[in-house]
Amino acid sequence: MKSQTSRRKFIRNLGGTALLLSAGPVYGFADRQKMEEHIIAFDKNFTSNDKIRIAAIGMGIMGNVDINTALKVPGVELVAACDLYSGRLERVKEKYGKDIFTTRDYREILNRKDIDAVVIATSDNWHARISMDAMNAGKSVYCEKPMVHRLSEGLDVIATRDKTKKTMQVGSQRVSSIIYRKAKELYKTGIIGQLNCIEASFDRQDALGA
C-alpha cells in the first residue's frame, strides 16, 4: 500500500509539472527554480547476501564518475580496479581503501569469483573485447559509450549477451540528464524568449587526461 501511494504521488507530481509547462510564460521562473533531483525511494533491508560486488576496468574521468555513482546505491561494494597507470591505481586505494585489489591486467579481475559486475571505462577500442570477455566470465557489464569502436564489432557483442544472458547496459549519461530537462522547461515557459540559435561547448581538458 505504501508503494502504491508513493507511485500515485509521483504521477500526480508529474501531472502538476505538465500543467505548469503548458501555462505559458512564468516570469521569475528561472530565478525561483533550483536544480531539482527526483529520487523514487523504496524500502528494503539489505543483508550481506544482497551485496553487489563490482570492479572498475579503467579509472580515468568516467571510471571515477561511474564508480562514485554506483557506490551511492545501497548494497554496492567496490572490490577491485584495473588501470594501466600506477598513479590511478594508487589513487583508488587512497580514495576507496587499501584493501581494494588493483591490477593492470583486466583478466585478473574477470578470473575472480567474488565479482558480480564490472564497469568498463577504458578507451573505446577496448569496449567490445572486454565486454565480451566479462560476460563470458559470468559478469554483468556496465560499459561506457560507445559500446563498440567499429560497427562491425556490434553483432558479436550482442551475440555474446544473448548467449550468456548476462545483464549489459551501455552508459549514455546526459541523454536523460536533469540539466537538459530543465533547459527544456525554461524554453517552454518562454523565459529566454525566441530561440534562434544554440551554440554549446563541453571542455574537459585537465590533468586527468580527458
N, C-alpha and C. Protein backbone atom coordinates (compact mmCIF):
# COMPACT_ATOMS: atom_id res chain seq x y z
N MET A 1 0.83 -1.20 0.00
CA MET A 1 0.00 0.00 0.00
C MET A 1 0.87 1.26 0.00
N LYS A 2 1.95 1.23 0.77
CA LYS A 2 2.84 2.38 0.83
C LYS A 2 3.46 2.63 -0.54
N SER A 3 3.83 1.53 -1.24
CA SER A 3 4.42 1.66 -2.56
C SER A 3 3.42 2.25 -3.55
N GLN A 4 2.16 1.80 -3.47
CA GLN A 4 1.13 2.31 -4.37
C GLN A 4 0.88 3.79 -4.13
N THR A 5 0.86 4.19 -2.85
CA THR A 5 0.64 5.59 -2.50
C THR A 5 1.77 6.46 -3.05
N SER A 6 3.02 6.00 -2.91
CA SER A 6 4.17 6.74 -3.42
C SER A 6 4.09 6.88 -4.93
N ARG A 7 3.65 5.82 -5.59
CA ARG A 7 3.56 5.84 -7.05
C ARG A 7 2.50 6.85 -7.50
N ARG A 8 1.34 6.86 -6.81
CA ARG A 8 0.29 7.81 -7.15
C ARG A 8 0.76 9.24 -6.95
N LYS A 9 1.51 9.47 -5.85
CA LYS A 9 2.03 10.81 -5.56
C LYS A 9 3.01 11.24 -6.64
N PHE A 10 3.86 10.30 -7.08
CA PHE A 10 4.85 10.61 -8.10
C PHE A 10 4.17 11.00 -9.41
N ILE A 11 3.14 10.24 -9.81
CA ILE A 11 2.41 10.52 -11.04
C ILE A 11 1.68 11.85 -10.93
N ARG A 12 1.12 12.14 -9.76
CA ARG A 12 0.41 13.40 -9.56
C ARG A 12 1.36 14.59 -9.70
N ASN A 13 2.59 14.43 -9.17
CA ASN A 13 3.58 15.49 -9.28
C ASN A 13 3.98 15.74 -10.74
N LEU A 14 4.08 14.65 -11.50
CA LEU A 14 4.40 14.79 -12.91
C LEU A 14 3.31 15.56 -13.63
N GLY A 15 2.06 15.27 -13.27
CA GLY A 15 0.93 15.97 -13.88
C GLY A 15 0.97 17.45 -13.59
N GLY A 16 1.34 17.81 -12.35
CA GLY A 16 1.45 19.21 -11.97
C GLY A 16 2.52 19.93 -12.77
N THR A 17 3.63 19.25 -13.04
CA THR A 17 4.70 19.84 -13.85
C THR A 17 4.22 20.09 -15.27
N ALA A 18 3.46 19.15 -15.83
CA ALA A 18 2.95 19.30 -17.19
C ALA A 18 2.03 20.51 -17.29
N LEU A 19 1.17 20.74 -16.28
CA LEU A 19 0.28 21.89 -16.28
C LEU A 19 1.07 23.19 -16.24
N LEU A 20 2.13 23.19 -15.44
CA LEU A 20 2.96 24.38 -15.32
C LEU A 20 3.59 24.74 -16.66
N LEU A 21 4.09 23.73 -17.36
CA LEU A 21 4.77 23.98 -18.62
C LEU A 21 3.81 24.45 -19.71
N SER A 22 2.54 24.07 -19.62
CA SER A 22 1.58 24.45 -20.64
C SER A 22 0.90 25.77 -20.34
N ALA A 23 1.26 26.40 -19.25
CA ALA A 23 0.57 27.61 -18.81
C ALA A 23 1.13 28.87 -19.43
N GLY A 24 2.17 28.75 -20.29
CA GLY A 24 2.73 29.93 -20.92
C GLY A 24 3.87 30.49 -20.08
N PRO A 25 4.34 31.71 -20.42
CA PRO A 25 5.48 32.31 -19.69
C PRO A 25 5.20 32.46 -18.20
N VAL A 26 6.17 32.12 -17.42
CA VAL A 26 6.08 32.31 -15.97
C VAL A 26 7.26 33.19 -15.56
N TYR A 27 7.01 34.49 -15.37
CA TYR A 27 8.10 35.42 -15.12
C TYR A 27 8.71 35.17 -13.74
N GLY A 28 10.02 35.19 -13.72
CA GLY A 28 10.73 34.91 -12.49
C GLY A 28 10.93 33.43 -12.24
N PHE A 29 10.47 32.62 -13.17
CA PHE A 29 10.55 31.16 -13.00
C PHE A 29 11.99 30.71 -12.82
N ALA A 30 12.88 31.23 -13.67
CA ALA A 30 14.28 30.81 -13.62
C ALA A 30 14.93 31.20 -12.30
N ASP A 31 14.55 32.38 -11.77
CA ASP A 31 15.13 32.84 -10.52
C ASP A 31 14.67 31.99 -9.34
N ARG A 32 13.41 31.57 -9.39
CA ARG A 32 12.84 30.85 -8.25
C ARG A 32 13.21 29.37 -8.24
N GLN A 33 13.42 28.86 -9.43
CA GLN A 33 13.66 27.43 -9.53
C GLN A 33 15.11 27.09 -9.18
N LYS A 34 15.25 26.02 -8.44
CA LYS A 34 16.57 25.47 -8.18
C LYS A 34 16.64 24.12 -8.88
N MET A 35 17.87 23.68 -9.16
CA MET A 35 18.02 22.39 -9.79
C MET A 35 17.45 21.30 -8.88
N GLU A 36 16.54 20.52 -9.44
CA GLU A 36 15.85 19.50 -8.66
C GLU A 36 16.32 18.12 -9.07
N GLU A 37 16.39 17.26 -8.11
CA GLU A 37 16.71 15.86 -8.37
C GLU A 37 15.65 15.00 -7.71
N HIS A 38 14.90 14.27 -8.53
CA HIS A 38 13.82 13.45 -8.02
C HIS A 38 14.31 12.01 -7.87
N ILE A 39 14.20 11.50 -6.70
CA ILE A 39 14.61 10.13 -6.42
C ILE A 39 13.39 9.34 -5.96
N ILE A 40 13.08 8.28 -6.66
CA ILE A 40 11.98 7.42 -6.26
C ILE A 40 12.52 6.45 -5.20
N ALA A 41 12.16 6.72 -3.98
CA ALA A 41 12.68 5.91 -2.87
C ALA A 41 11.88 4.62 -2.72
N PHE A 42 12.55 3.62 -2.22
CA PHE A 42 11.86 2.37 -1.92
C PHE A 42 12.44 1.81 -0.63
N ASP A 43 11.61 1.06 0.07
CA ASP A 43 12.03 0.50 1.35
C ASP A 43 12.55 -0.92 1.15
N LYS A 44 13.75 -1.16 1.57
CA LYS A 44 14.29 -2.51 1.50
C LYS A 44 15.42 -2.63 2.49
N ASN A 45 15.46 -3.72 3.21
CA ASN A 45 16.55 -4.01 4.12
C ASN A 45 17.60 -4.84 3.40
N PHE A 46 18.85 -4.42 3.48
CA PHE A 46 19.92 -5.12 2.79
C PHE A 46 20.70 -6.00 3.77
N THR A 47 20.97 -7.21 3.33
CA THR A 47 21.79 -8.12 4.12
C THR A 47 23.09 -8.36 3.36
N SER A 48 23.99 -9.10 3.96
CA SER A 48 25.27 -9.38 3.31
C SER A 48 25.08 -10.14 2.01
N ASN A 49 24.00 -10.93 1.91
CA ASN A 49 23.74 -11.69 0.70
C ASN A 49 23.18 -10.83 -0.43
N ASP A 50 22.75 -9.61 -0.10
CA ASP A 50 22.19 -8.70 -1.11
C ASP A 50 23.25 -7.84 -1.78
N LYS A 51 24.48 -7.91 -1.32
CA LYS A 51 25.52 -7.05 -1.85
C LYS A 51 25.85 -7.38 -3.31
N ILE A 52 26.09 -6.33 -4.08
CA ILE A 52 26.59 -6.48 -5.44
C ILE A 52 28.03 -6.00 -5.43
N ARG A 53 28.93 -6.92 -5.72
CA ARG A 53 30.36 -6.61 -5.66
C ARG A 53 30.84 -6.27 -7.07
N ILE A 54 31.35 -5.05 -7.22
CA ILE A 54 31.72 -4.57 -8.54
C ILE A 54 33.21 -4.31 -8.64
N ALA A 55 33.67 -4.23 -9.89
CA ALA A 55 35.06 -3.88 -10.18
C ALA A 55 35.08 -2.86 -11.31
N ALA A 56 36.08 -2.01 -11.30
CA ALA A 56 36.22 -1.00 -12.34
C ALA A 56 37.37 -1.37 -13.26
N ILE A 57 37.13 -1.30 -14.55
CA ILE A 57 38.18 -1.52 -15.54
C ILE A 57 38.34 -0.22 -16.31
N GLY A 58 39.35 0.54 -15.92
CA GLY A 58 39.53 1.89 -16.43
C GLY A 58 39.12 2.90 -15.38
N MET A 59 40.08 3.61 -14.81
CA MET A 59 39.80 4.54 -13.71
C MET A 59 40.19 5.97 -14.05
N GLY A 60 39.87 6.39 -15.28
CA GLY A 60 40.05 7.79 -15.66
C GLY A 60 38.85 8.59 -15.19
N ILE A 61 38.49 9.63 -15.92
CA ILE A 61 37.40 10.50 -15.50
C ILE A 61 36.09 9.74 -15.38
N MET A 62 35.66 9.07 -16.45
CA MET A 62 34.35 8.40 -16.41
C MET A 62 34.38 7.19 -15.49
N GLY A 63 35.51 6.52 -15.38
CA GLY A 63 35.59 5.41 -14.43
C GLY A 63 35.33 5.89 -13.01
N ASN A 64 35.92 7.02 -12.64
CA ASN A 64 35.70 7.59 -11.31
C ASN A 64 34.26 8.04 -11.13
N VAL A 65 33.71 8.71 -12.15
CA VAL A 65 32.32 9.17 -12.06
C VAL A 65 31.36 8.00 -11.90
N ASP A 66 31.56 6.97 -12.71
CA ASP A 66 30.67 5.81 -12.67
C ASP A 66 30.73 5.09 -11.33
N ILE A 67 31.94 4.92 -10.80
CA ILE A 67 32.09 4.23 -9.52
C ILE A 67 31.50 5.06 -8.39
N ASN A 68 31.75 6.35 -8.39
CA ASN A 68 31.16 7.22 -7.36
C ASN A 68 29.64 7.12 -7.36
N THR A 69 29.05 7.09 -8.55
CA THR A 69 27.60 6.98 -8.66
C THR A 69 27.11 5.61 -8.20
N ALA A 70 27.80 4.57 -8.63
CA ALA A 70 27.39 3.21 -8.26
C ALA A 70 27.41 2.99 -6.75
N LEU A 71 28.40 3.57 -6.09
CA LEU A 71 28.55 3.36 -4.65
C LEU A 71 27.50 4.11 -3.83
N LYS A 72 26.73 4.98 -4.48
CA LYS A 72 25.61 5.63 -3.78
C LYS A 72 24.41 4.72 -3.65
N VAL A 73 24.41 3.64 -4.39
CA VAL A 73 23.30 2.67 -4.34
C VAL A 73 23.53 1.71 -3.18
N PRO A 74 22.57 1.58 -2.28
CA PRO A 74 22.74 0.67 -1.14
C PRO A 74 23.03 -0.75 -1.60
N GLY A 75 24.02 -1.36 -0.97
CA GLY A 75 24.33 -2.75 -1.27
C GLY A 75 25.45 -2.93 -2.27
N VAL A 76 25.93 -1.85 -2.89
CA VAL A 76 27.00 -1.96 -3.87
C VAL A 76 28.35 -1.77 -3.19
N GLU A 77 29.30 -2.63 -3.53
CA GLU A 77 30.63 -2.59 -2.90
C GLU A 77 31.71 -2.70 -3.98
N LEU A 78 32.69 -1.82 -3.94
CA LEU A 78 33.82 -1.87 -4.86
C LEU A 78 34.90 -2.77 -4.28
N VAL A 79 35.33 -3.76 -5.06
CA VAL A 79 36.34 -4.69 -4.54
C VAL A 79 37.62 -4.71 -5.37
N ALA A 80 37.57 -4.18 -6.61
CA ALA A 80 38.77 -4.27 -7.44
C ALA A 80 38.75 -3.17 -8.50
N ALA A 81 39.94 -2.82 -8.99
CA ALA A 81 40.07 -1.81 -10.03
C ALA A 81 41.27 -2.13 -10.91
N CYS A 82 41.12 -1.80 -12.19
CA CYS A 82 42.18 -2.05 -13.16
C CYS A 82 42.47 -0.77 -13.94
N ASP A 83 43.73 -0.48 -14.14
CA ASP A 83 44.13 0.64 -14.99
C ASP A 83 45.59 0.43 -15.37
N LEU A 84 46.00 1.04 -16.48
CA LEU A 84 47.38 0.90 -16.93
C LEU A 84 48.32 1.85 -16.22
N TYR A 85 47.77 2.86 -15.54
CA TYR A 85 48.59 3.89 -14.90
C TYR A 85 48.67 3.67 -13.40
N SER A 86 49.90 3.59 -12.90
CA SER A 86 50.10 3.32 -11.48
C SER A 86 49.49 4.41 -10.60
N GLY A 87 49.57 5.66 -11.03
CA GLY A 87 49.03 6.76 -10.24
C GLY A 87 47.53 6.61 -10.00
N ARG A 88 46.81 6.14 -11.00
CA ARG A 88 45.37 5.94 -10.84
C ARG A 88 45.07 4.81 -9.86
N LEU A 89 45.88 3.76 -9.92
CA LEU A 89 45.67 2.64 -9.00
C LEU A 89 45.99 3.06 -7.56
N GLU A 90 47.02 3.87 -7.41
CA GLU A 90 47.35 4.38 -6.07
C GLU A 90 46.22 5.26 -5.54
N ARG A 91 45.63 6.04 -6.43
CA ARG A 91 44.52 6.91 -6.03
C ARG A 91 43.30 6.10 -5.61
N VAL A 92 43.07 4.97 -6.27
CA VAL A 92 41.96 4.09 -5.90
C VAL A 92 42.08 3.66 -4.45
N LYS A 93 43.28 3.25 -4.05
CA LYS A 93 43.49 2.80 -2.67
C LYS A 93 43.35 3.95 -1.68
N GLU A 94 43.79 5.15 -2.09
CA GLU A 94 43.65 6.32 -1.22
C GLU A 94 42.18 6.67 -1.02
N LYS A 95 41.42 6.57 -2.10
CA LYS A 95 40.03 7.03 -2.09
C LYS A 95 39.06 6.01 -1.54
N TYR A 96 39.27 4.73 -1.90
CA TYR A 96 38.28 3.70 -1.58
C TYR A 96 38.76 2.67 -0.55
N GLY A 97 40.04 2.72 -0.18
CA GLY A 97 40.53 1.80 0.84
C GLY A 97 41.69 0.96 0.37
N LYS A 98 42.62 0.71 1.28
CA LYS A 98 43.85 -0.01 0.93
C LYS A 98 43.61 -1.47 0.59
N ASP A 99 42.43 -2.00 0.95
CA ASP A 99 42.16 -3.41 0.69
C ASP A 99 41.60 -3.66 -0.71
N ILE A 100 41.36 -2.59 -1.49
CA ILE A 100 40.87 -2.75 -2.85
C ILE A 100 41.95 -3.44 -3.69
N PHE A 101 41.58 -4.51 -4.39
CA PHE A 101 42.51 -5.21 -5.27
C PHE A 101 42.73 -4.38 -6.53
N THR A 102 43.99 -4.15 -6.90
CA THR A 102 44.30 -3.39 -8.11
C THR A 102 45.22 -4.19 -9.02
N THR A 103 45.09 -3.96 -10.32
CA THR A 103 45.88 -4.68 -11.31
C THR A 103 45.94 -3.87 -12.61
N ARG A 104 46.91 -4.19 -13.45
CA ARG A 104 46.99 -3.60 -14.78
C ARG A 104 46.41 -4.54 -15.83
N ASP A 105 46.07 -5.75 -15.44
CA ASP A 105 45.56 -6.76 -16.37
C ASP A 105 44.09 -7.06 -16.03
N TYR A 106 43.18 -6.63 -16.89
CA TYR A 106 41.75 -6.80 -16.59
C TYR A 106 41.34 -8.25 -16.45
N ARG A 107 42.11 -9.16 -17.04
CA ARG A 107 41.77 -10.59 -16.95
C ARG A 107 41.88 -11.11 -15.52
N GLU A 108 42.73 -10.48 -14.72
CA GLU A 108 42.83 -10.88 -13.32
C GLU A 108 41.53 -10.57 -12.58
N ILE A 109 40.85 -9.52 -12.98
CA ILE A 109 39.56 -9.18 -12.38
C ILE A 109 38.49 -10.17 -12.82
N LEU A 110 38.47 -10.50 -14.11
CA LEU A 110 37.44 -11.42 -14.63
C LEU A 110 37.60 -12.82 -14.05
N ASN A 111 38.79 -13.18 -13.64
CA ASN A 111 39.02 -14.52 -13.08
C ASN A 111 38.57 -14.63 -11.63
N ARG A 112 38.26 -13.52 -10.99
CA ARG A 112 37.83 -13.55 -9.59
C ARG A 112 36.36 -13.96 -9.50
N LYS A 113 36.09 -14.90 -8.61
CA LYS A 113 34.73 -15.41 -8.45
C LYS A 113 33.87 -14.53 -7.56
N ASP A 114 34.50 -13.58 -6.84
CA ASP A 114 33.74 -12.77 -5.89
C ASP A 114 33.25 -11.45 -6.50
N ILE A 115 33.38 -11.31 -7.83
CA ILE A 115 32.95 -10.09 -8.51
C ILE A 115 31.71 -10.39 -9.34
N ASP A 116 30.65 -9.61 -9.10
CA ASP A 116 29.38 -9.82 -9.80
C ASP A 116 29.28 -9.03 -11.10
N ALA A 117 29.84 -7.83 -11.12
CA ALA A 117 29.67 -6.95 -12.27
C ALA A 117 30.90 -6.06 -12.44
N VAL A 118 31.12 -5.61 -13.68
CA VAL A 118 32.24 -4.72 -13.95
C VAL A 118 31.76 -3.45 -14.64
N VAL A 119 32.44 -2.37 -14.35
CA VAL A 119 32.24 -1.10 -15.04
C VAL A 119 33.41 -0.92 -15.99
N ILE A 120 33.12 -0.84 -17.29
CA ILE A 120 34.17 -0.73 -18.30
C ILE A 120 34.25 0.71 -18.77
N ALA A 121 35.35 1.37 -18.45
CA ALA A 121 35.54 2.78 -18.81
C ALA A 121 36.93 2.99 -19.37
N THR A 122 37.32 2.08 -20.24
CA THR A 122 38.62 2.16 -20.90
C THR A 122 38.50 3.05 -22.14
N SER A 123 39.56 3.12 -22.94
CA SER A 123 39.46 3.76 -24.25
C SER A 123 38.51 2.93 -25.12
N ASP A 124 37.88 3.60 -26.09
CA ASP A 124 36.80 2.98 -26.87
C ASP A 124 37.19 1.67 -27.56
N ASN A 125 38.43 1.57 -28.00
CA ASN A 125 38.85 0.41 -28.78
C ASN A 125 38.85 -0.89 -27.97
N TRP A 126 38.75 -0.78 -26.63
CA TRP A 126 38.73 -1.98 -25.79
C TRP A 126 37.31 -2.38 -25.35
N HIS A 127 36.33 -1.55 -25.60
CA HIS A 127 35.00 -1.80 -25.06
C HIS A 127 34.42 -3.14 -25.48
N ALA A 128 34.47 -3.45 -26.76
CA ALA A 128 33.85 -4.69 -27.26
C ALA A 128 34.54 -5.92 -26.68
N ARG A 129 35.86 -5.95 -26.77
CA ARG A 129 36.58 -7.15 -26.30
C ARG A 129 36.37 -7.40 -24.81
N ILE A 130 36.53 -6.35 -24.00
CA ILE A 130 36.40 -6.55 -22.56
C ILE A 130 34.96 -6.88 -22.18
N SER A 131 33.99 -6.28 -22.84
CA SER A 131 32.58 -6.59 -22.56
C SER A 131 32.30 -8.06 -22.83
N MET A 132 32.75 -8.56 -23.96
CA MET A 132 32.51 -9.97 -24.30
C MET A 132 33.25 -10.90 -23.33
N ASP A 133 34.50 -10.56 -23.02
CA ASP A 133 35.27 -11.39 -22.07
C ASP A 133 34.58 -11.41 -20.71
N ALA A 134 34.06 -10.26 -20.29
CA ALA A 134 33.42 -10.17 -18.98
C ALA A 134 32.14 -11.01 -18.94
N MET A 135 31.31 -10.90 -19.96
CA MET A 135 30.06 -11.68 -19.96
C MET A 135 30.35 -13.17 -20.06
N ASN A 136 31.34 -13.53 -20.85
CA ASN A 136 31.72 -14.95 -20.92
C ASN A 136 32.27 -15.47 -19.60
N ALA A 137 32.79 -14.56 -18.78
CA ALA A 137 33.29 -14.93 -17.45
C ALA A 137 32.19 -14.89 -16.40
N GLY A 138 30.96 -14.60 -16.82
CA GLY A 138 29.83 -14.61 -15.88
C GLY A 138 29.58 -13.30 -15.18
N LYS A 139 30.14 -12.21 -15.69
CA LYS A 139 29.95 -10.90 -15.05
C LYS A 139 28.89 -10.08 -15.80
N SER A 140 28.10 -9.33 -15.04
CA SER A 140 27.25 -8.33 -15.66
C SER A 140 28.12 -7.13 -16.02
N VAL A 141 27.65 -6.33 -17.00
CA VAL A 141 28.50 -5.28 -17.56
C VAL A 141 27.78 -3.94 -17.63
N TYR A 142 28.46 -2.90 -17.16
CA TYR A 142 28.08 -1.53 -17.48
C TYR A 142 29.24 -0.98 -18.30
N CYS A 143 28.98 -0.68 -19.58
CA CYS A 143 30.04 -0.23 -20.48
C CYS A 143 29.80 1.21 -20.89
N GLU A 144 30.84 2.00 -20.79
CA GLU A 144 30.73 3.38 -21.24
C GLU A 144 30.49 3.44 -22.74
N LYS A 145 29.83 4.53 -23.18
CA LYS A 145 29.61 4.71 -24.60
C LYS A 145 30.93 5.08 -25.28
N PRO A 146 31.12 4.75 -26.57
CA PRO A 146 30.25 3.91 -27.37
C PRO A 146 30.45 2.44 -27.02
N MET A 147 29.44 1.63 -27.31
CA MET A 147 29.52 0.22 -26.97
C MET A 147 30.66 -0.46 -27.74
N VAL A 148 30.89 -0.04 -28.96
CA VAL A 148 31.94 -0.62 -29.80
C VAL A 148 32.73 0.50 -30.46
N HIS A 149 33.91 0.17 -30.91
CA HIS A 149 34.77 1.13 -31.61
C HIS A 149 34.46 1.14 -33.11
N ARG A 150 34.11 -0.04 -33.64
CA ARG A 150 33.73 -0.18 -35.04
C ARG A 150 32.36 -0.86 -35.11
N LEU A 151 31.55 -0.46 -36.08
CA LEU A 151 30.22 -1.05 -36.22
C LEU A 151 30.29 -2.56 -36.39
N SER A 152 31.34 -3.04 -37.04
CA SER A 152 31.47 -4.48 -37.31
C SER A 152 31.58 -5.30 -36.03
N GLU A 153 31.93 -4.65 -34.90
CA GLU A 153 32.07 -5.37 -33.63
C GLU A 153 30.73 -5.58 -32.92
N GLY A 154 29.73 -4.81 -33.32
CA GLY A 154 28.48 -4.77 -32.57
C GLY A 154 27.75 -6.09 -32.49
N LEU A 155 27.62 -6.80 -33.62
CA LEU A 155 26.85 -8.04 -33.64
C LEU A 155 27.47 -9.10 -32.73
N ASP A 156 28.80 -9.12 -32.63
CA ASP A 156 29.47 -10.09 -31.76
C ASP A 156 29.15 -9.81 -30.29
N VAL A 157 29.12 -8.52 -29.93
CA VAL A 157 28.78 -8.16 -28.55
C VAL A 157 27.34 -8.58 -28.23
N ILE A 158 26.43 -8.28 -29.15
CA ILE A 158 25.02 -8.65 -28.96
C ILE A 158 24.87 -10.16 -28.85
N ALA A 159 25.57 -10.90 -29.71
CA ALA A 159 25.50 -12.37 -29.69
C ALA A 159 26.02 -12.92 -28.36
N THR A 160 27.06 -12.31 -27.84
CA THR A 160 27.61 -12.75 -26.55
C THR A 160 26.61 -12.51 -25.43
N ARG A 161 25.95 -11.36 -25.44
CA ARG A 161 24.93 -11.08 -24.44
C ARG A 161 23.77 -12.06 -24.53
N ASP A 162 23.35 -12.36 -25.75
CA ASP A 162 22.24 -13.32 -25.93
C ASP A 162 22.64 -14.72 -25.48
N LYS A 163 23.89 -15.09 -25.71
CA LYS A 163 24.36 -16.43 -25.33
C LYS A 163 24.51 -16.55 -23.83
N THR A 164 25.11 -15.56 -23.19
CA THR A 164 25.40 -15.66 -21.76
C THR A 164 24.21 -15.26 -20.88
N LYS A 165 23.26 -14.48 -21.44
CA LYS A 165 22.09 -13.97 -20.70
C LYS A 165 22.50 -13.03 -19.56
N LYS A 166 23.71 -12.49 -19.63
CA LYS A 166 24.15 -11.56 -18.60
C LYS A 166 23.61 -10.16 -18.89
N THR A 167 23.40 -9.40 -17.83
CA THR A 167 22.93 -8.03 -17.98
C THR A 167 24.05 -7.16 -18.54
N MET A 168 23.72 -6.38 -19.58
CA MET A 168 24.67 -5.42 -20.12
C MET A 168 23.97 -4.10 -20.34
N GLN A 169 24.53 -3.03 -19.81
CA GLN A 169 23.99 -1.69 -20.01
C GLN A 169 25.07 -0.79 -20.59
N VAL A 170 24.71 0.01 -21.58
CA VAL A 170 25.65 0.95 -22.18
C VAL A 170 25.35 2.34 -21.65
N GLY A 171 26.36 2.99 -21.11
CA GLY A 171 26.17 4.29 -20.48
C GLY A 171 25.99 5.40 -21.50
N SER A 172 24.84 6.06 -21.46
CA SER A 172 24.59 7.23 -22.31
C SER A 172 24.13 8.37 -21.42
N GLN A 173 24.92 8.63 -20.38
CA GLN A 173 24.54 9.67 -19.44
C GLN A 173 24.40 11.00 -20.14
N ARG A 174 23.60 11.87 -19.58
CA ARG A 174 23.24 13.19 -20.07
C ARG A 174 22.10 13.15 -21.08
N VAL A 175 21.86 12.02 -21.72
CA VAL A 175 20.70 11.93 -22.60
C VAL A 175 19.43 12.18 -21.79
N SER A 176 19.39 11.66 -20.57
CA SER A 176 18.23 11.85 -19.70
C SER A 176 18.56 12.75 -18.51
N SER A 177 19.61 13.56 -18.65
CA SER A 177 20.07 14.40 -17.55
C SER A 177 19.04 15.46 -17.19
N ILE A 178 18.93 15.76 -15.91
CA ILE A 178 18.02 16.80 -15.43
C ILE A 178 18.44 18.18 -15.96
N ILE A 179 19.70 18.33 -16.33
CA ILE A 179 20.17 19.60 -16.89
C ILE A 179 19.39 19.94 -18.16
N TYR A 180 19.23 18.95 -19.03
CA TYR A 180 18.54 19.19 -20.30
C TYR A 180 17.04 19.26 -20.11
N ARG A 181 16.53 18.54 -19.14
CA ARG A 181 15.11 18.65 -18.80
C ARG A 181 14.79 20.07 -18.33
N LYS A 182 15.67 20.63 -17.50
CA LYS A 182 15.47 21.98 -17.00
C LYS A 182 15.59 23.00 -18.14
N ALA A 183 16.52 22.77 -19.04
CA ALA A 183 16.66 23.67 -20.20
C ALA A 183 15.38 23.66 -21.04
N LYS A 184 14.80 22.48 -21.20
CA LYS A 184 13.54 22.37 -21.95
C LYS A 184 12.43 23.14 -21.25
N GLU A 185 12.36 23.04 -19.92
CA GLU A 185 11.34 23.76 -19.16
C GLU A 185 11.49 25.26 -19.37
N LEU A 186 12.72 25.76 -19.29
CA LEU A 186 12.96 27.19 -19.46
C LEU A 186 12.57 27.65 -20.86
N TYR A 187 12.83 26.82 -21.85
CA TYR A 187 12.45 27.17 -23.22
C TYR A 187 10.93 27.19 -23.37
N LYS A 188 10.25 26.18 -22.81
CA LYS A 188 8.81 26.08 -22.95
C LYS A 188 8.08 27.23 -22.27
N THR A 189 8.61 27.74 -21.17
CA THR A 189 7.94 28.83 -20.47
C THR A 189 8.11 30.16 -21.18
N GLY A 190 9.03 30.25 -22.11
CA GLY A 190 9.25 31.49 -22.83
C GLY A 190 10.18 32.46 -22.13
N ILE A 191 10.76 32.06 -21.00
CA ILE A 191 11.63 32.94 -20.23
C ILE A 191 12.79 33.49 -21.06
N ILE A 192 13.36 32.63 -21.90
CA ILE A 192 14.55 33.05 -22.65
C ILE A 192 14.19 33.69 -23.98
N GLY A 193 12.89 33.83 -24.27
CA GLY A 193 12.47 34.50 -25.50
C GLY A 193 12.54 33.59 -26.72
N GLN A 194 12.52 34.23 -27.90
CA GLN A 194 12.56 33.48 -29.15
C GLN A 194 13.93 32.84 -29.34
N LEU A 195 13.92 31.54 -29.61
CA LEU A 195 15.17 30.81 -29.77
C LEU A 195 15.56 30.79 -31.24
N ASN A 196 16.68 31.38 -31.57
CA ASN A 196 17.15 31.44 -32.96
C ASN A 196 18.37 30.57 -33.21
N CYS A 197 19.21 30.44 -32.20
CA CYS A 197 20.46 29.71 -32.41
C CYS A 197 20.96 29.17 -31.07
N ILE A 198 21.57 28.00 -31.11
CA ILE A 198 22.19 27.41 -29.92
C ILE A 198 23.65 27.12 -30.24
N GLU A 199 24.53 27.59 -29.38
CA GLU A 199 25.95 27.26 -29.51
C GLU A 199 26.42 26.70 -28.17
N ALA A 200 27.01 25.51 -28.20
CA ALA A 200 27.40 24.84 -26.96
C ALA A 200 28.81 24.28 -27.07
N SER A 201 29.47 24.17 -25.94
CA SER A 201 30.78 23.54 -25.90
C SER A 201 30.91 22.77 -24.60
N PHE A 202 31.74 21.74 -24.62
CA PHE A 202 31.95 20.92 -23.44
C PHE A 202 33.45 20.65 -23.35
N ASP A 203 34.12 21.29 -22.40
CA ASP A 203 35.57 21.26 -22.33
C ASP A 203 36.02 20.55 -21.06
N ARG A 204 36.73 19.42 -21.23
CA ARG A 204 37.20 18.67 -20.07
C ARG A 204 38.72 18.52 -20.07
N GLN A 205 39.43 19.39 -20.76
CA GLN A 205 40.88 19.23 -20.81
C GLN A 205 41.49 19.54 -19.45
N ASP A 206 41.98 18.51 -18.78
CA ASP A 206 42.59 18.73 -17.47
C ASP A 206 43.66 17.68 -17.20
N ALA A 207 44.17 17.72 -15.99
CA ALA A 207 45.30 16.86 -15.64
C ALA A 207 44.98 15.37 -15.67
N LEU A 208 43.68 15.03 -15.63
CA LEU A 208 43.32 13.62 -15.66
C LEU A 208 43.37 13.05 -17.08
N GLY A 209 43.53 13.91 -18.07
CA GLY A 209 43.74 13.41 -19.42
C GLY A 209 42.49 13.19 -20.22
N ALA A 210 41.42 13.96 -19.99
CA ALA A 210 40.20 13.77 -20.78
C ALA A 210 40.45 14.19 -22.21
